[in-house]
Amino acid sequence: MIAYAKNEMVGITELSKSLGSYLDKVTSNTLNKLAIIRRNKPEAVIVPIEEYEHMRKAADYLEDLEIANIIKTRVLDKTEPIKYLTTDELKISLRKRGKDV
């Protein structure tokens, strides 16, 4: 679990009163992250857009590596018969996984 410093946590009520101020702290890198607390537990985190985009790219990269590893295993080990997909089948499969193709 990620640790948060006291100044990196804010209750939802306080956040609603001072959203602009907290957003300024995050976007100016005064705070790296801001955990939003509701019912005494962290519910969400606000991070700068650049950080979010970096995390999204990293997650996409890891997913691509996982897919490549599955392909490599199936082709090299030949434990499962190779199933070829048409371009349309591949697009449908990717769209189901949220990819814009």
Protein backbone atom coordinates (compact mmCIF):
# COMPACT_ATOMS: atom_id res chain seq x y z
CA MET A 1 0.00 0.00 0.00
CA ILE A 2 1.20 3.51 -0.81
CA ALA A 3 2.05 5.70 2.17
CA TYR A 4 0.73 9.25 2.36
CA ALA A 5 2.15 12.10 4.37
CA LYS A 6 -0.33 14.02 6.50
CA ASN A 7 -0.32 16.96 4.07
CA GLU A 8 -1.05 14.55 1.17
CA MET A 9 -4.46 13.59 2.58
CA VAL A 10 -7.65 15.62 2.62
CA GLY A 11 -11.18 14.82 3.68
CA ILE A 12 -13.82 15.06 1.01
CA THR A 13 -15.66 17.85 2.86
CA GLU A 14 -12.51 19.97 3.12
CA LEU A 15 -11.66 19.24 -0.52
CA SER A 16 -15.09 20.42 -1.65
CA LYS A 17 -14.52 23.73 0.16
CA SER A 18 -11.01 24.32 -1.22
CA LEU A 19 -10.74 22.32 -4.44
CA GLY A 20 -8.96 25.09 -6.36
CA SER A 21 -6.32 25.49 -3.67
CA TYR A 22 -5.60 21.76 -3.52
CA LEU A 23 -5.55 21.48 -7.30
CA ASP A 24 -3.00 24.31 -7.43
CA LYS A 25 -0.77 22.43 -4.97
CA VAL A 26 -0.87 19.28 -7.11
CA THR A 27 -0.37 21.02 -10.46
CA SER A 28 2.50 23.15 -9.12
CA ASN A 29 4.18 20.01 -7.70
CA THR A 30 3.96 21.33 -4.16
CA LEU A 31 2.27 17.96 -3.59
CA ASN A 32 3.09 14.88 -5.68
CA LYS A 33 -0.30 13.35 -4.94
CA LEU A 34 -3.40 14.06 -2.92
CA ALA A 35 -5.39 11.25 -1.35
CA ILE A 36 -9.09 11.98 -0.92
CA ILE A 37 -10.39 10.53 2.33
CA ARG A 38 -14.01 9.45 2.72
CA ARG A 39 -15.35 7.52 5.69
CA ASN A 40 -11.82 7.47 7.17
CA LYS A 41 -10.18 5.67 4.25
CA PRO A 42 -8.51 6.75 1.01
CA GLU A 43 -11.00 6.60 -1.87
CA ALA A 44 -9.18 8.32 -4.72
CA VAL A 45 -5.95 10.13 -5.57
CA ILE A 46 -5.39 13.33 -7.50
CA VAL A 47 -2.13 13.45 -9.46
CA PRO A 48 -0.82 15.85 -12.10
CA ILE A 49 -1.98 15.00 -15.62
CA GLU A 50 1.59 14.25 -16.73
CA GLU A 51 1.92 11.66 -13.98
CA TYR A 52 -1.40 10.07 -14.88
CA GLU A 53 -0.41 9.87 -18.56
CA HIS A 54 2.92 8.31 -17.57
CA MET A 55 1.15 5.70 -15.41
CA ARG A 56 -1.32 4.94 -18.23
CA LYS A 57 1.51 4.45 -20.74
CA ALA A 58 3.34 2.19 -18.28
CA ALA A 59 0.21 0.10 -17.73
CA ASP A 60 -0.32 -0.20 -21.50
CA TYR A 61 3.32 -1.22 -21.96
CA LEU A 62 3.03 -3.92 -19.29
CA GLU A 63 -0.11 -5.24 -20.93
CA ASP A 64 1.68 -5.39 -24.29
CA LEU A 65 4.57 -7.29 -22.66
CA GLU A 66 2.12 -9.76 -21.16
CA ILE A 67 0.51 -10.34 -24.55
CA ALA A 68 3.92 -10.77 -26.19
CA ASN A 69 4.89 -13.30 -23.52
CA ILE A 70 1.68 -15.28 -24.10
CA ILE A 71 2.32 -15.31 -27.85
CA LYS A 72 5.95 -16.35 -27.35
CA THR A 73 4.96 -19.17 -24.99
CA ARG A 74 2.26 -20.51 -27.26
CA VAL A 75 4.41 -20.37 -30.40
CA LEU A 76 7.63 -21.73 -28.90
CA ASP A 77 6.14 -24.30 -26.52
CA LYS A 78 3.35 -25.28 -28.89
CA THR A 79 1.32 -26.51 -25.92
CA GLU A 80 -1.76 -25.11 -27.57
CA PRO A 81 -2.63 -25.12 -31.23
CA ILE A 82 -2.03 -21.79 -32.89
CA LYS A 83 -5.26 -19.98 -33.66
CA TYR A 84 -5.02 -17.44 -36.42
CA LEU A 85 -7.31 -14.42 -36.30
CA THR A 86 -8.55 -12.43 -39.21
CA THR A 87 -8.00 -8.68 -39.07
CA ASP A 88 -11.66 -8.17 -38.22
CA GLU A 89 -11.53 -10.74 -35.40
CA LEU A 90 -8.43 -9.06 -33.98
CA LYS A 91 -10.10 -5.63 -34.09
CA ILE A 92 -13.18 -6.98 -32.32
CA SER A 93 -11.01 -8.60 -29.65
CA LEU A 94 -9.04 -5.40 -29.10
CA ARG A 95 -12.17 -3.23 -28.94
CA LYS A 96 -13.59 -5.52 -26.25
CA ARG A 97 -10.48 -4.73 -24.23
CA GLY A 98 -11.00 -0.98 -24.63
CA LYS A 99 -8.48 -0.36 -27.39
CA ASP A 100 -9.34 2.21 -30.04
CA VAL A 101 -8.65 0.49 -33.37
